[in-house]
Protein backbone atom coordinates (compact mmCIF):
# COMPACT_ATOMS: atom_id res chain seq x y z
CA UNK A 1 -0.01 0.01 0.09
CA UNK A 2 3.14 2.73 1.06
CA UNK A 3 4.61 1.94 -2.64
CA UNK A 4 1.43 2.16 -4.36
CA UNK A 5 0.86 5.34 -2.17
CA UNK A 6 4.38 6.46 -3.54
CA UNK A 7 3.88 5.60 -6.86
CA UNK A 8 0.56 8.34 -7.18
CA UNK A 9 1.81 10.99 -5.22
CA UNK A 10 4.71 10.69 -7.79
CA UNK A 11 2.24 10.69 -10.38
CA UNK A 12 0.41 13.98 -9.04
CA UNK A 13 3.49 15.81 -8.47
CA UNK A 14 4.50 15.55 -12.07
CA UNK A 15 1.19 16.40 -13.47
CA UNK A 16 1.17 19.34 -10.92
CA UNK A 17 4.77 20.38 -12.46
CA UNK A 18 3.62 19.98 -15.53
CA UNK A 19 0.22 22.13 -14.98
CA UNK A 20 2.87 24.79 -13.65
CA UNK A 21 5.10 24.49 -16.30
CA UNK A 22 2.30 24.77 -18.80
CA UNK A 23 0.26 28.23 -17.59
CA UNK A 24 4.25 29.85 -17.73
CA UNK A 25 4.62 29.01 -21.06
CA UNK A 26 1.02 30.55 -21.74
CA UNK A 27 2.33 33.74 -20.07
CA UNK A 28 5.28 33.73 -21.44
CA UNK A 29 3.10 33.40 -24.68
CA UNK A 30 0.72 36.27 -23.71
CA UNK A 31 3.77 38.49 -22.83
CA UNK A 32 5.40 38.08 -26.28
CA UNK A 33 2.25 38.66 -28.06
CA UNK A 34 1.41 41.41 -26.03
CA UNK A 35 -0.82 44.59 -28.13
CA UNK A 36 1.17 46.77 -26.20
CA UNK A 37 4.22 45.31 -28.58
CA UNK A 38 2.74 46.16 -31.83
CA UNK A 39 4.62 45.22 -35.15
CA UNK A 40 7.17 47.79 -36.13
CA UNK A 41 7.12 48.54 -40.03
CA UNK A 42 10.25 49.79 -41.74
CA UNK A 43 10.39 52.16 -44.07
CA UNK A 44 10.55 50.91 -47.67
CA UNK A 45 9.39 47.59 -46.71
CA UNK A 46 7.27 45.13 -48.92
CA UNK A 47 4.13 43.83 -47.43
CA UNK A 48 4.63 39.75 -48.29
CA UNK A 49 1.08 38.51 -48.86
CA UNK A 50 1.34 34.82 -47.74
CA UNK A 51 -1.85 33.45 -47.40
CA UNK A 52 -1.18 30.19 -45.73
CA UNK A 53 -4.49 28.90 -43.66
CA UNK A 54 -7.75 28.73 -44.39
CA UNK A 55 -9.53 32.12 -44.99
CA UNK A 56 -13.12 32.51 -43.46
CA UNK A 57 -14.68 36.25 -43.91
CA UNK A 58 -14.66 36.42 -39.86
CA UNK A 59 -12.57 35.09 -37.43
CA UNK A 60 -13.90 37.10 -34.49
CA UNK A 61 -11.86 37.05 -32.02
CA UNK A 62 -11.10 39.79 -29.59
CA UNK A 63 -8.34 42.60 -30.48
CA UNK A 64 -6.87 41.84 -27.08
CA UNK A 65 -6.72 38.13 -26.83
CA UNK A 66 -3.13 38.10 -26.36
CA UNK A 67 -3.66 34.18 -28.05
CA UNK A 68 -5.33 35.23 -31.03
CA UNK A 69 -3.48 33.22 -34.60
CA UNK A 70 -1.40 31.35 -31.93
CA UNK A 71 -3.94 28.81 -31.61
CA UNK A 72 -5.69 29.63 -34.60
CA UNK A 73 -5.66 28.09 -38.01
CA UNK A 74 -7.68 30.52 -40.21
CA UNK A 75 -7.36 33.70 -41.24
CA UNK A 76 -9.75 36.55 -41.33
CA UNK A 77 -10.82 37.70 -45.08
CA UNK A 78 -11.90 41.38 -43.41
CA UNK A 79 -8.31 41.81 -41.62
CA UNK A 80 -6.45 40.74 -45.10
CA UNK A 81 -8.57 43.81 -47.06
CA UNK A 82 -8.24 46.02 -43.40
CA UNK A 83 -4.24 45.33 -44.26
CA UNK A 84 -4.52 46.05 -48.06
CA UNK A 85 -6.68 49.09 -47.50
CA UNK A 86 -3.99 50.85 -45.38
CA UNK A 87 -0.94 49.76 -47.12
CA UNK A 88 -2.30 51.57 -50.01
CA UNK A 89 -1.79 54.62 -48.00
CA UNK A 90 1.30 53.56 -45.99
CA UNK A 91 4.36 55.42 -47.25
CA UNK A 92 6.69 53.09 -45.81
CA UNK A 93 4.66 50.36 -48.23
CA UNK A 94 6.63 50.29 -51.41
CA UNK A 95 4.68 47.42 -52.60
CA UNK A 96 3.44 43.93 -52.60
CA UNK A 97 4.88 40.64 -53.05
CA UNK A 98 2.71 37.44 -53.81
CA UNK A 99 4.28 34.12 -53.18
CA UNK A 100 1.29 32.14 -52.76
CA UNK A 101 1.10 28.27 -53.23
CA UNK A 102 -2.42 26.72 -52.92
CA UNK A 103 -4.75 29.59 -51.20
CA UNK A 104 -7.05 27.75 -49.61
CA UNK A 105 -10.21 30.43 -50.00
CA UNK A 106 -13.11 30.69 -51.63
CA UNK A 107 -13.51 31.83 -55.61
CA UNK A 108 -15.51 34.94 -53.81
CA UNK A 109 -13.14 35.27 -51.53
CA UNK A 110 -10.58 35.09 -53.55
CA UNK A 111 -11.85 37.83 -56.05
CA UNK A 112 -12.23 39.98 -52.82
CA UNK A 113 -8.53 40.07 -52.17
CA UNK A 114 -7.77 40.51 -55.71
CA UNK A 115 -10.56 43.33 -55.93
CA UNK A 116 -8.50 45.17 -52.62
CA UNK A 117 -5.14 44.83 -54.90
CA UNK A 118 -6.93 46.21 -57.66
CA UNK A 119 -7.40 49.07 -55.46
CA UNK A 120 -3.91 48.82 -54.11
CA UNK A 121 -2.70 49.80 -57.38
CA UNK A 122 -4.13 52.87 -57.77
CA UNK A 123 -1.48 54.12 -55.56
CA UNK A 124 1.38 53.68 -58.00
CA UNK A 125 2.93 51.35 -56.16
CA UNK A 126 3.90 47.80 -56.92
CA UNK A 127 2.94 44.03 -57.40
CA UNK A 128 4.56 41.31 -58.12
CA UNK A 129 3.95 37.95 -58.05
CA UNK A 130 6.22 35.03 -57.81
CA UNK A 131 4.69 31.24 -57.88
CA UNK A 132 6.11 27.81 -58.43
CA UNK A 133 2.96 26.11 -58.68
CA UNK A 134 -0.22 28.12 -59.48
CA UNK A 135 -3.56 26.58 -58.98
CA UNK A 136 -6.19 28.19 -60.68
CA UNK A 137 -7.22 30.30 -58.17
CA UNK A 138 -3.93 31.25 -57.27
CA UNK A 139 -3.32 32.64 -61.03
CA UNK A 140 -6.56 34.25 -60.75
CA UNK A 141 -5.51 36.62 -57.93
CA UNK A 142 -1.98 36.77 -59.46
CA UNK A 143 -3.29 37.85 -62.59
CA UNK A 144 -4.16 41.48 -60.98
CA UNK A 145 -0.52 41.61 -60.65
CA UNK A 146 1.34 44.00 -62.52
CA UNK A 147 4.30 41.10 -63.24
CA UNK A 148 3.94 37.98 -63.08
CA UNK A 149 6.78 34.79 -62.79
CA UNK A 150 7.51 31.55 -62.05
CA UNK A 151 9.51 28.85 -61.04
CA UNK A 152 11.97 27.30 -64.01
CA UNK A 153 10.46 23.93 -63.31
CA UNK A 154 7.34 25.49 -61.76
CA UNK A 155 3.48 24.34 -63.50
CA UNK A 156 0.80 26.17 -63.80
CA UNK A 157 -3.09 24.33 -63.78
CA UNK A 158 -5.02 26.64 -66.51
CA UNK A 159 -7.77 24.46 -67.85
CA UNK A 160 -11.24 26.17 -66.86
CA UNK A 161 -13.76 25.06 -63.90
CA UNK A 162 -15.27 21.70 -63.36
CA UNK A 163 -17.76 20.36 -61.01
CA UNK A 164 -17.89 15.96 -59.79
CA UNK A 165 -20.94 14.95 -58.44
CA UNK A 166 -20.60 10.88 -55.99
CA UNK A 167 -23.65 8.51 -56.54
CA UNK A 168 -24.08 6.03 -53.74
CA UNK A 169 -27.62 4.36 -54.84
CA UNK A 170 -25.86 0.79 -55.53
CA UNK A 171 -23.95 1.59 -52.19
CA UNK A 172 -27.33 1.24 -50.33
CA UNK A 173 -28.35 -1.82 -51.93
CA UNK A 174 -24.97 -3.70 -51.08
CA UNK A 175 -25.15 -2.41 -47.93
CA UNK A 176 -28.75 -2.34 -46.75
CA UNK A 177 -27.71 1.00 -45.62
CA UNK A 178 -29.94 3.68 -47.34
CA UNK A 179 -31.42 7.81 -46.83
CA UNK A 180 -34.94 8.09 -46.81
CA UNK A 181 -35.08 11.05 -49.64
CA UNK A 182 -38.27 13.74 -49.41
CA UNK A 183 -37.95 16.63 -51.03
CA UNK A 184 -39.40 19.40 -53.62
CA UNK A 185 -38.09 21.19 -56.08
CA UNK A 186 -36.69 19.93 -59.57
CA UNK A 187 -33.18 21.05 -59.18
CA UNK A 188 -33.30 19.95 -55.33
CA UNK A 189 -30.58 17.50 -56.35
CA UNK A 190 -28.49 16.86 -53.17
CA UNK A 191 -30.54 14.12 -52.54
CA UNK A 192 -30.09 12.69 -55.54
CA UNK A 193 -27.18 10.48 -55.16
CA UNK A 194 -29.27 8.33 -53.13
CA UNK A 195 -31.61 8.28 -55.64
CA UNK A 196 -29.90 7.42 -58.83
CA UNK A 197 -27.16 5.76 -60.74
CA UNK A 198 -26.02 9.02 -62.62
CA UNK A 199 -26.64 12.79 -62.96
CA UNK A 200 -30.29 13.90 -64.00
CA UNK A 201 -30.59 16.38 -67.20
CA UNK A 202 -31.87 18.93 -64.83
CA UNK A 203 -28.51 19.06 -62.45
CA UNK A 204 -26.33 18.50 -65.14
CA UNK A 205 -27.97 21.52 -66.70
CA UNK A 206 -27.77 23.60 -63.35
CA UNK A 207 -24.39 22.60 -62.95
CA UNK A 208 -23.13 22.86 -66.44
CA UNK A 209 -24.67 26.70 -66.41
CA UNK A 210 -23.41 27.50 -62.58
CA UNK A 211 -19.94 26.78 -63.71
CA UNK A 212 -20.02 28.43 -67.07
CA UNK A 213 -21.05 31.36 -65.44
CA UNK A 214 -18.14 31.62 -62.41
CA UNK A 215 -15.02 30.87 -65.47
CA UNK A 216 -16.78 33.76 -67.22
CA UNK A 217 -16.44 36.01 -64.58
CA UNK A 218 -12.77 34.78 -63.49
CA UNK A 219 -12.28 35.15 -67.48
CA UNK A 220 -13.59 38.83 -67.89
CA UNK A 221 -11.20 39.91 -64.59
CA UNK A 222 -8.43 38.13 -66.45
CA UNK A 223 -8.72 39.12 -69.50
CA UNK A 224 -8.80 43.53 -68.43
CA UNK A 225 -6.14 43.07 -66.15
CA UNK A 226 -3.69 40.58 -68.96
CA UNK A 227 -4.68 42.40 -71.85
CA UNK A 228 -5.91 38.99 -73.61
CA UNK A 229 -9.20 38.65 -74.83
CA UNK A 230 -11.19 36.08 -73.39
CA UNK A 231 -11.76 33.96 -76.73
CA UNK A 232 -7.64 33.62 -76.34
CA UNK A 233 -8.09 32.69 -72.99
CA UNK A 234 -10.11 29.73 -73.29
CA UNK A 235 -8.49 28.72 -76.24
CA UNK A 236 -5.49 28.55 -74.02
CA UNK A 237 -7.49 26.75 -71.52
CA UNK A 238 -8.60 23.87 -73.98
CA UNK A 239 -5.14 23.16 -75.64
CA UNK A 240 -3.22 23.54 -71.74
CA UNK A 241 -1.79 26.16 -73.14
CA UNK A 242 -0.37 27.19 -69.85
CA UNK A 243 0.76 23.85 -68.38
CA UNK A 244 4.63 24.65 -68.40
CA UNK A 245 6.58 27.54 -67.98
CA UNK A 246 7.37 27.81 -71.61
CA UNK A 247 3.84 27.80 -72.65
CA UNK A 248 2.68 30.28 -70.05
CA UNK A 249 4.75 32.69 -71.47
CA UNK A 250 4.20 32.66 -74.85
CA UNK A 251 0.53 32.63 -74.38
CA UNK A 252 0.79 35.24 -71.70
CA UNK A 253 -0.30 34.27 -69.02
CA UNK A 254 3.00 35.39 -67.05
CA UNK A 255 5.61 37.91 -68.07
CA UNK A 256 8.61 35.59 -67.19
CA UNK A 257 10.53 32.45 -66.55
CA UNK A 258 13.42 32.70 -63.22
CA UNK A 259 14.50 31.54 -60.59
CA UNK A 260 13.26 33.05 -56.62
CA UNK A 261 16.76 35.14 -56.36
CA UNK A 262 16.09 36.53 -59.91
CA UNK A 263 12.63 37.64 -58.79
CA UNK A 264 13.98 39.73 -55.09
CA UNK A 265 16.51 41.50 -58.06
CA UNK A 266 13.32 42.44 -59.66
CA UNK A 267 11.88 43.77 -56.86
CA UNK A 268 14.76 45.80 -55.80
CA UNK A 269 14.92 47.47 -59.28
CA UNK A 270 11.11 48.24 -58.81
CA UNK A 271 12.17 49.78 -55.13
CA UNK A 272 14.52 51.43 -56.98
CA UNK A 273 17.16 50.17 -54.31
CA UNK A 274 20.53 48.59 -54.42
CA UNK A 275 21.55 45.17 -55.99
CA UNK A 276 23.34 44.24 -52.38
CA UNK A 277 20.92 45.56 -50.19
CA UNK A 278 18.60 42.76 -48.49
CA UNK A 279 14.82 43.86 -48.78
CA UNK A 280 13.18 44.28 -46.07
CA UNK A 281 9.71 42.34 -45.91
CA UNK A 282 7.15 42.95 -43.66
CA UNK A 283 4.82 39.58 -43.14
CA UNK A 284 1.37 39.60 -43.97
CA UNK A 285 0.94 38.26 -40.05
CA UNK A 286 2.67 41.49 -38.77
CA UNK A 287 0.88 44.03 -40.81
CA UNK A 288 -2.56 43.14 -39.87
CA UNK A 289 -1.76 43.31 -36.28
CA UNK A 290 0.03 46.87 -37.65
CA UNK A 291 -3.15 47.31 -39.36
CA UNK A 292 -5.61 46.71 -37.16
CA UNK A 293 -3.95 49.71 -35.24
CA UNK A 294 -5.57 52.31 -37.85
CA UNK A 295 -8.67 52.73 -39.30
CA UNK A 296 -10.23 53.09 -42.62
CA UNK A 297 -13.99 54.20 -41.48
CA UNK A 298 -13.78 56.00 -38.00
CA UNK A 299 -17.03 58.50 -36.45
CA UNK A 300 -19.46 58.45 -33.63
CA UNK A 301 -22.22 56.48 -35.49
CA UNK A 302 -21.40 53.04 -36.47
CA UNK A 303 -22.21 50.67 -38.87
CA UNK A 304 -22.76 46.88 -37.33
CA UNK A 305 -21.53 43.85 -39.62
CA UNK A 306 -22.80 40.80 -38.34
CA UNK A 307 -20.97 37.91 -40.08
CA UNK A 308 -23.08 34.60 -40.32
CA UNK A 309 -20.59 31.69 -41.82
CA UNK A 310 -20.72 28.12 -41.98
CA UNK A 311 -23.84 25.68 -41.75
CA UNK A 312 -27.14 26.17 -39.96
CA UNK A 313 -27.73 24.53 -37.49
CA UNK A 314 -29.68 24.59 -34.64
CA UNK A 315 -28.28 25.72 -31.18
CA UNK A 316 -25.74 28.36 -30.14
CA UNK A 317 -23.51 28.39 -33.33
CA UNK A 318 -19.70 29.34 -33.48
CA UNK A 319 -17.45 30.49 -36.16
CA UNK A 320 -18.05 27.99 -38.38
CA UNK A 321 -21.69 27.11 -37.88
CA UNK A 322 -24.80 29.58 -37.86
CA UNK A 323 -26.59 29.03 -34.98
CA UNK A 324 -29.94 31.04 -33.91
CA UNK A 325 -28.54 31.83 -30.09
CA UNK A 326 -24.81 33.96 -31.23
CA UNK A 327 -26.43 35.40 -34.58
CA UNK A 328 -29.97 36.21 -33.35
CA UNK A 329 -28.61 37.90 -29.76
CA UNK A 330 -25.76 40.45 -32.54
CA UNK A 331 -28.70 41.59 -34.56
CA UNK A 332 -30.32 42.61 -31.08
CA UNK A 333 -27.31 44.51 -29.90
CA UNK A 334 -27.08 46.24 -33.65
CA UNK A 335 -30.79 46.98 -33.12
CA UNK A 336 -31.00 48.38 -29.90
CA UNK A 337 -27.37 50.00 -30.08
CA UNK A 338 -28.36 53.93 -30.66
CA UNK A 339 -25.29 54.40 -32.16
CA UNK A 340 -25.59 52.01 -34.41
CA UNK A 341 -27.77 53.12 -37.30
CA UNK A 342 -27.96 50.53 -40.24
CA UNK A 343 -27.03 46.97 -40.33
CA UNK A 344 -25.14 44.81 -42.26
CA UNK A 345 -25.71 41.11 -42.36
CA UNK A 346 -22.66 39.04 -44.16
CA UNK A 347 -23.89 35.61 -45.42
CA UNK A 348 -21.61 32.67 -46.32
CA UNK A 349 -23.30 29.69 -45.84
CA UNK A 350 -24.58 26.81 -47.80
CA UNK A 351 -27.52 26.66 -45.91
CA UNK A 352 -29.00 24.44 -43.58
CA UNK A 353 -32.06 23.70 -41.21
CA UNK A 354 -34.93 25.41 -42.28
CA UNK A 355 -36.22 26.21 -38.64
CA UNK A 356 -33.19 28.16 -37.84
CA UNK A 357 -33.14 29.88 -41.23
CA UNK A 358 -37.09 30.93 -40.57
CA UNK A 359 -35.35 31.84 -37.03
CA UNK A 360 -33.10 33.59 -38.32
CA UNK A 361 -35.39 35.29 -40.92
CA UNK A 362 -37.30 36.55 -37.95
CA UNK A 363 -34.95 38.53 -36.55
CA UNK A 364 -33.55 40.71 -39.64
CA UNK A 365 -36.97 41.00 -40.33
CA UNK A 366 -37.71 42.98 -37.05
CA UNK A 367 -34.16 44.57 -37.10
CA UNK A 368 -35.70 46.19 -40.63
CA UNK A 369 -38.35 47.56 -39.12
CA UNK A 370 -35.87 50.36 -36.88
CA UNK A 371 -33.08 50.66 -39.26
CA UNK A 372 -31.79 49.84 -43.01
CA UNK A 373 -30.65 46.24 -43.29
CA UNK A 374 -28.24 45.52 -46.37
CA UNK A 375 -26.67 42.21 -46.84
CA UNK A 376 -23.34 41.20 -48.47
CA UNK A 377 -23.14 37.70 -50.07
CA UNK A 378 -19.68 35.94 -49.86
CA UNK A 379 -18.48 32.45 -51.86
CA UNK A 380 -22.28 30.99 -50.63
CA UNK A 381 -25.59 31.75 -50.05
CA UNK A 382 -27.62 29.50 -51.25
CA UNK A 383 -30.84 27.82 -49.80
CA UNK A 384 -30.90 28.52 -45.87
CA UNK A 385 -27.78 30.82 -46.46
CA UNK A 386 -30.15 32.92 -48.72
CA UNK A 387 -33.50 32.54 -46.89
CA UNK A 388 -31.89 34.92 -44.00
CA UNK A 389 -30.82 37.67 -46.42
CA UNK A 390 -34.37 38.40 -48.16
CA UNK A 391 -35.65 39.85 -44.87
CA UNK A 392 -33.19 43.00 -45.65
CA UNK A 393 -33.56 45.76 -47.55
CA UNK A 394 -31.27 45.44 -50.43
CA UNK A 395 -28.91 42.60 -51.48
CA UNK A 396 -24.96 42.41 -52.63
CA UNK A 397 -24.05 39.69 -53.78
CA UNK A 398 -20.35 38.58 -55.56
CA UNK A 399 -20.19 37.93 -59.69
CA UNK A 400 -18.33 34.65 -58.32
CA UNK A 401 -21.50 34.40 -55.48
CA UNK A 402 -22.89 31.38 -55.55
CA UNK A 403 -26.86 31.98 -54.06
CA UNK A 404 -30.52 30.69 -54.57
CA UNK A 405 -31.56 27.19 -54.32
CA UNK A 406 -34.59 27.63 -52.91
CA UNK A 407 -36.04 24.31 -51.89
CA UNK A 408 -36.06 22.12 -49.13
CA UNK A 409 -35.48 18.17 -48.56
CA UNK A 410 -35.28 15.54 -45.57
CA UNK A 411 -33.34 12.71 -45.57
CA UNK A 412 -33.78 9.80 -42.88
CA UNK A 413 -31.02 7.06 -42.64
CA UNK A 414 -32.70 3.74 -43.06
CA UNK A 415 -30.85 0.33 -42.26
CA UNK A 416 -34.20 -2.43 -42.16
CA UNK A 417 -32.51 -4.29 -45.54
CA UNK A 418 -29.36 -4.22 -43.53
CA UNK A 419 -31.40 -5.54 -40.41
CA UNK A 420 -32.92 -8.50 -42.03
CA UNK A 421 -29.92 -9.81 -43.93
CA UNK A 422 -27.94 -9.75 -40.35
CA UNK A 423 -31.22 -11.20 -38.62
CA UNK A 424 -32.32 -8.52 -36.80
CA UNK A 425 -36.09 -7.63 -36.19
CA UNK A 426 -37.26 -4.94 -34.17
CA UNK A 427 -40.88 -4.58 -32.21
CA UNK A 428 -42.40 -1.08 -31.40
CA UNK A 429 -44.94 -0.43 -28.91
CA UNK A 430 -46.85 3.06 -28.65
CA UNK A 431 -49.75 4.30 -26.53
CA UNK A 432 -51.41 5.79 -29.28
CA UNK A 433 -51.82 5.07 -33.52
CA UNK A 434 -48.91 7.28 -34.26
CA UNK A 435 -46.84 7.30 -31.30
CA UNK A 436 -44.24 5.01 -33.10
CA UNK A 437 -43.73 6.88 -36.07
CA UNK A 438 -40.48 6.06 -37.61
CA UNK A 439 -38.16 3.29 -36.77
CA UNK A 440 -34.46 3.11 -38.56
CA UNK A 441 -35.00 -1.17 -38.50
CA UNK A 442 -38.37 -0.92 -40.31
CA UNK A 443 -39.32 0.19 -43.92
CA UNK A 444 -41.17 3.60 -44.04
CA UNK A 445 -44.93 3.92 -43.77
CA UNK A 446 -46.63 5.51 -46.52
CA UNK A 447 -48.50 7.05 -44.31
CA UNK A 448 -45.11 8.17 -41.95
CA UNK A 449 -44.11 9.42 -45.76
CA UNK A 450 -46.91 11.56 -45.98
CA UNK A 451 -46.37 13.65 -43.08
CA UNK A 452 -43.17 14.54 -43.81
CA UNK A 453 -43.41 15.43 -47.67
CA UNK A 454 -46.71 17.61 -45.99
CA UNK A 455 -43.57 19.59 -44.05
CA UNK A 456 -41.65 19.62 -46.73
CA UNK A 457 -44.27 21.35 -48.73
CA UNK A 458 -45.06 23.71 -45.70
CA UNK A 459 -41.40 24.54 -45.73
CA UNK A 460 -41.20 25.08 -49.46
CA UNK A 461 -44.42 27.56 -49.44
CA UNK A 462 -43.13 29.35 -46.09
CA UNK A 463 -39.55 29.91 -48.25
CA UNK A 464 -41.15 30.83 -51.32
CA UNK A 465 -43.00 33.15 -49.18
CA UNK A 466 -40.58 34.96 -48.02
CA UNK A 467 -39.13 35.17 -50.85
CA UNK A 468 -41.50 37.27 -52.43
CA UNK A 469 -42.30 40.03 -49.40
CA UNK A 470 -38.65 40.09 -49.75
CA UNK A 471 -38.07 40.65 -53.24
CA UNK A 472 -41.20 41.96 -53.80
CA UNK A 473 -42.62 39.33 -56.37
CA UNK A 474 -45.12 37.06 -56.24
CA UNK A 475 -45.51 33.81 -54.93
CA UNK A 476 -45.76 32.60 -58.81
CA UNK A 477 -42.60 34.40 -59.57
CA UNK A 478 -40.56 33.14 -56.89
CA UNK A 479 -40.98 30.05 -57.43
CA UNK A 480 -40.18 30.33 -61.67
CA UNK A 481 -36.94 30.72 -60.17
CA UNK A 482 -37.22 28.35 -57.18
CA UNK A 483 -37.41 24.39 -57.24
CA UNK A 484 -34.04 24.56 -55.66
CA UNK A 485 -31.88 25.73 -58.38
CA UNK A 486 -28.39 27.36 -57.85
CA UNK A 487 -26.72 30.71 -59.67
CA UNK A 488 -23.97 32.37 -60.09
CA UNK A 489 -24.28 36.05 -58.54
CA UNK A 490 -24.16 37.54 -61.71
CA UNK A 491 -27.67 35.21 -62.78
CA UNK A 492 -29.58 36.33 -59.58
CA UNK A 493 -28.80 39.78 -60.57
CA UNK A 494 -30.33 39.49 -63.60
CA UNK A 495 -33.46 37.16 -62.28
CA UNK A 496 -34.19 39.83 -59.44
CA UNK A 497 -32.72 37.38 -56.76
CA UNK A 498 -30.08 40.43 -55.78
CA UNK A 499 -29.95 43.98 -56.08
CA UNK A 500 -26.49 44.66 -56.58
CA UNK A 501 -23.30 42.94 -57.58
CA UNK A 502 -20.44 44.58 -55.13
CA UNK A 503 -18.40 43.61 -52.59
CA UNK A 504 -18.71 44.47 -48.57
CA UNK A 505 -17.70 47.60 -48.71
CA UNK A 506 -20.20 48.56 -51.53
CA UNK A 507 -22.64 47.05 -49.28
CA UNK A 508 -21.32 49.51 -45.79
CA UNK A 509 -21.77 52.05 -48.26
CA UNK A 510 -24.86 51.29 -49.67
CA UNK A 511 -26.22 50.88 -45.74
CA UNK A 512 -24.48 54.40 -44.94
CA UNK A 513 -26.01 55.94 -47.81
CA UNK A 514 -29.96 54.88 -46.51
CA UNK A 515 -28.80 55.52 -43.48
CA UNK A 516 -27.58 59.37 -43.97
CA UNK A 517 -24.26 59.34 -42.55
CA UNK A 518 -21.05 60.99 -44.19
CA UNK A 519 -18.73 59.37 -41.40
CA UNK A 520 -18.89 56.37 -39.47
CA UNK A 521 -17.40 53.43 -37.79
CA UNK A 522 -17.83 49.92 -37.73
CA UNK A 523 -18.84 47.31 -35.49
CA UNK A 524 -18.59 44.07 -35.92
CA UNK A 525 -20.68 41.16 -34.66
CA UNK A 526 -20.27 38.26 -33.16
CA UNK A 527 -17.51 37.93 -30.54
CA UNK A 528 -16.76 34.32 -30.56
CA UNK A 529 -14.75 32.93 -27.91
CA UNK A 530 -10.70 33.89 -27.79
CA UNK A 531 -8.49 30.76 -28.96
CA UNK A 532 -7.22 30.58 -25.25
CA UNK A 533 -10.72 29.91 -24.04
CA UNK A 534 -11.10 27.34 -27.12
CA UNK A 535 -7.66 25.79 -26.32
CA UNK A 536 -8.47 24.94 -23.06
CA UNK A 537 -12.25 23.46 -23.21
CA UNK A 538 -10.34 20.90 -25.49
CA UNK A 539 -7.32 21.10 -22.88
CA UNK A 540 -8.48 17.37 -21.41
CA UNK A 541 -8.64 15.73 -24.97
CA UNK A 542 -7.28 15.88 -28.43
CA UNK A 543 -9.99 18.76 -29.50
CA UNK A 544 -12.19 18.14 -32.67
CA UNK A 545 -9.77 20.34 -34.83
CA UNK A 546 -6.83 18.36 -34.23
CA UNK A 547 -8.71 15.07 -34.77
CA UNK A 548 -9.99 16.53 -38.10
CA UNK A 549 -6.61 17.68 -39.38
CA UNK A 550 -5.39 14.31 -38.34
CA UNK A 551 -7.61 12.30 -40.48
CA UNK A 552 -7.05 15.15 -43.50
CA UNK A 553 -3.52 14.13 -43.33
CA UNK A 554 -3.89 10.96 -43.29
CA UNK A 555 -6.35 9.95 -45.70
CA UNK A 556 -5.99 12.78 -48.32
CA UNK A 557 -7.82 16.54 -48.39
CA UNK A 558 -10.37 14.73 -51.79
CA UNK A 559 -11.62 11.69 -49.59
CA UNK A 560 -11.82 13.78 -46.08
CA UNK A 561 -13.88 16.15 -48.12
CA UNK A 562 -15.90 13.25 -49.14
CA UNK A 563 -16.12 11.71 -45.56
CA UNK A 564 -17.16 15.26 -44.23
CA UNK A 565 -20.19 15.69 -46.97
CA UNK A 566 -20.94 12.12 -46.03
CA UNK A 567 -20.81 12.56 -42.64
CA UNK A 568 -23.18 15.86 -42.66
CA UNK A 569 -25.42 13.78 -44.46
CA UNK A 570 -26.09 11.26 -42.00
CA UNK A 571 -26.73 14.08 -38.95
CA UNK A 572 -28.91 16.17 -40.83
CA UNK A 573 -31.96 16.59 -38.39
CA UNK A 574 -35.32 18.18 -39.85
CA UNK A 575 -36.18 19.62 -42.86
CA UNK A 576 -32.81 21.22 -44.80
CA UNK A 577 -32.90 24.52 -46.80
CA UNK A 578 -29.22 23.62 -48.40
CA UNK A 579 -27.20 23.69 -51.42
CA UNK A 580 -28.21 20.68 -53.80
CA UNK A 581 -24.36 19.13 -53.90
CA UNK A 582 -20.96 20.42 -52.64
CA UNK A 583 -18.96 22.38 -55.49
CA UNK A 584 -14.88 22.24 -55.09
CA UNK A 585 -12.69 24.58 -57.34
CA UNK A 586 -9.32 24.02 -57.67
């Protein structure tokens, strides 16, 4: 017993010592990251724009959180654009160098960064880009630059956009586990992979037209800045005319083929400094820290930006999910703040729970009765994401935004065939006729399917009514552009689903105009838990993010994306207003 006691005492001592060391480490990190020690920007600096983490529209940690960025694995689009805006007027910044491969951002996010860089060029400062490998998004961003360079043994992907849809009907039949599907909308093809083995013409049509519109928006921007016609760019894509550095230069996609040291020599020449001098680079992370002490917008009156990003799920919500808890509190706070004169709702969501969408829609509608509400759409504002947007006074979308998808569906897993094969029999007992409505181990009854279909139809009609009311059209007109079909921002404006094509800044300017403001500051909502708080919550065990990163590294990003899609489908509860397919653009 004495021996056991000594062992336990030793273990306890080690744990206490580890805890003390750990908290000393955190204090040390806190001191290193203290906001009092803001980044120092040298004269004649070059801002090095390397976006190494995944981009979210908004990170939302408190600016005084010393651990912000230490535990986070995402970068705020709002902070990136703000940094570029500040750099435009900063006399210490002479230009921007972009050396970034495999940008982890959505297409509309990429376009937003590109537009900020285009505005930066009006200062007369240079933007140079160097790449070892250019994906299509990397090149789309790079095409705004004054000069584009590539490694002599590098490569480029410029071939047009494509989407792949996986079908699981045969897999369901082989395993005996299937998804029971109830839907409304001929284009609501989120459930099509469970019903068929090949794509329907309706789904093929909408995907082809959608990616065609997105591609055309990219080509228009590239054409303008590279002085290449859209026909020429399509010809390059069709012949893979950028697949090698030599072909990329010959086709006009890039300016020269150089090694990195030669690239730096060109930057020195643009800065008019001696070849022997070292370039003073300022990292994006450091410059964001510096830029956050500066303001683009200032004034006593405020415009609130409420960020709604991620899937729409019942509950509190957080940085990557939209819940009625955190979003509605943000809207109420902005509505009741006398200094806030208008609200901009930034939506970046493929949709999700129809119930939560309607709860948030109501809060948007209530806010609109008190002060102007303008929506700015990000990469995706589809289905439930569009649902919460139509309560606003005005809607802005990027040309490459994916929106619409006005339709609903429900999916319920069923394993009755598998249960029969392995000898499982389920018997249900209830007090009333409908007490037992559904069992995972029995086939879905016609009566239960009819009840679910009734709920789907009611939700769809409610959705249509919200759209008709918000867009000032008839229900019949709303139904014509609904049926679950998705549209690009360009097509959505043509159809009247959005009012204007423009950025978040354009939406802010319109909100200020509607509120009659000449000068104004910005307040961003919601405030998420700090990086440190989230880390401490996960300290007792491996965090979800850590587990997810481990799985993704082991099986690869493509298989991990499929796994996430299948998991999301199995976890869907209630009627869904969700984008009908997952679109990944390289």
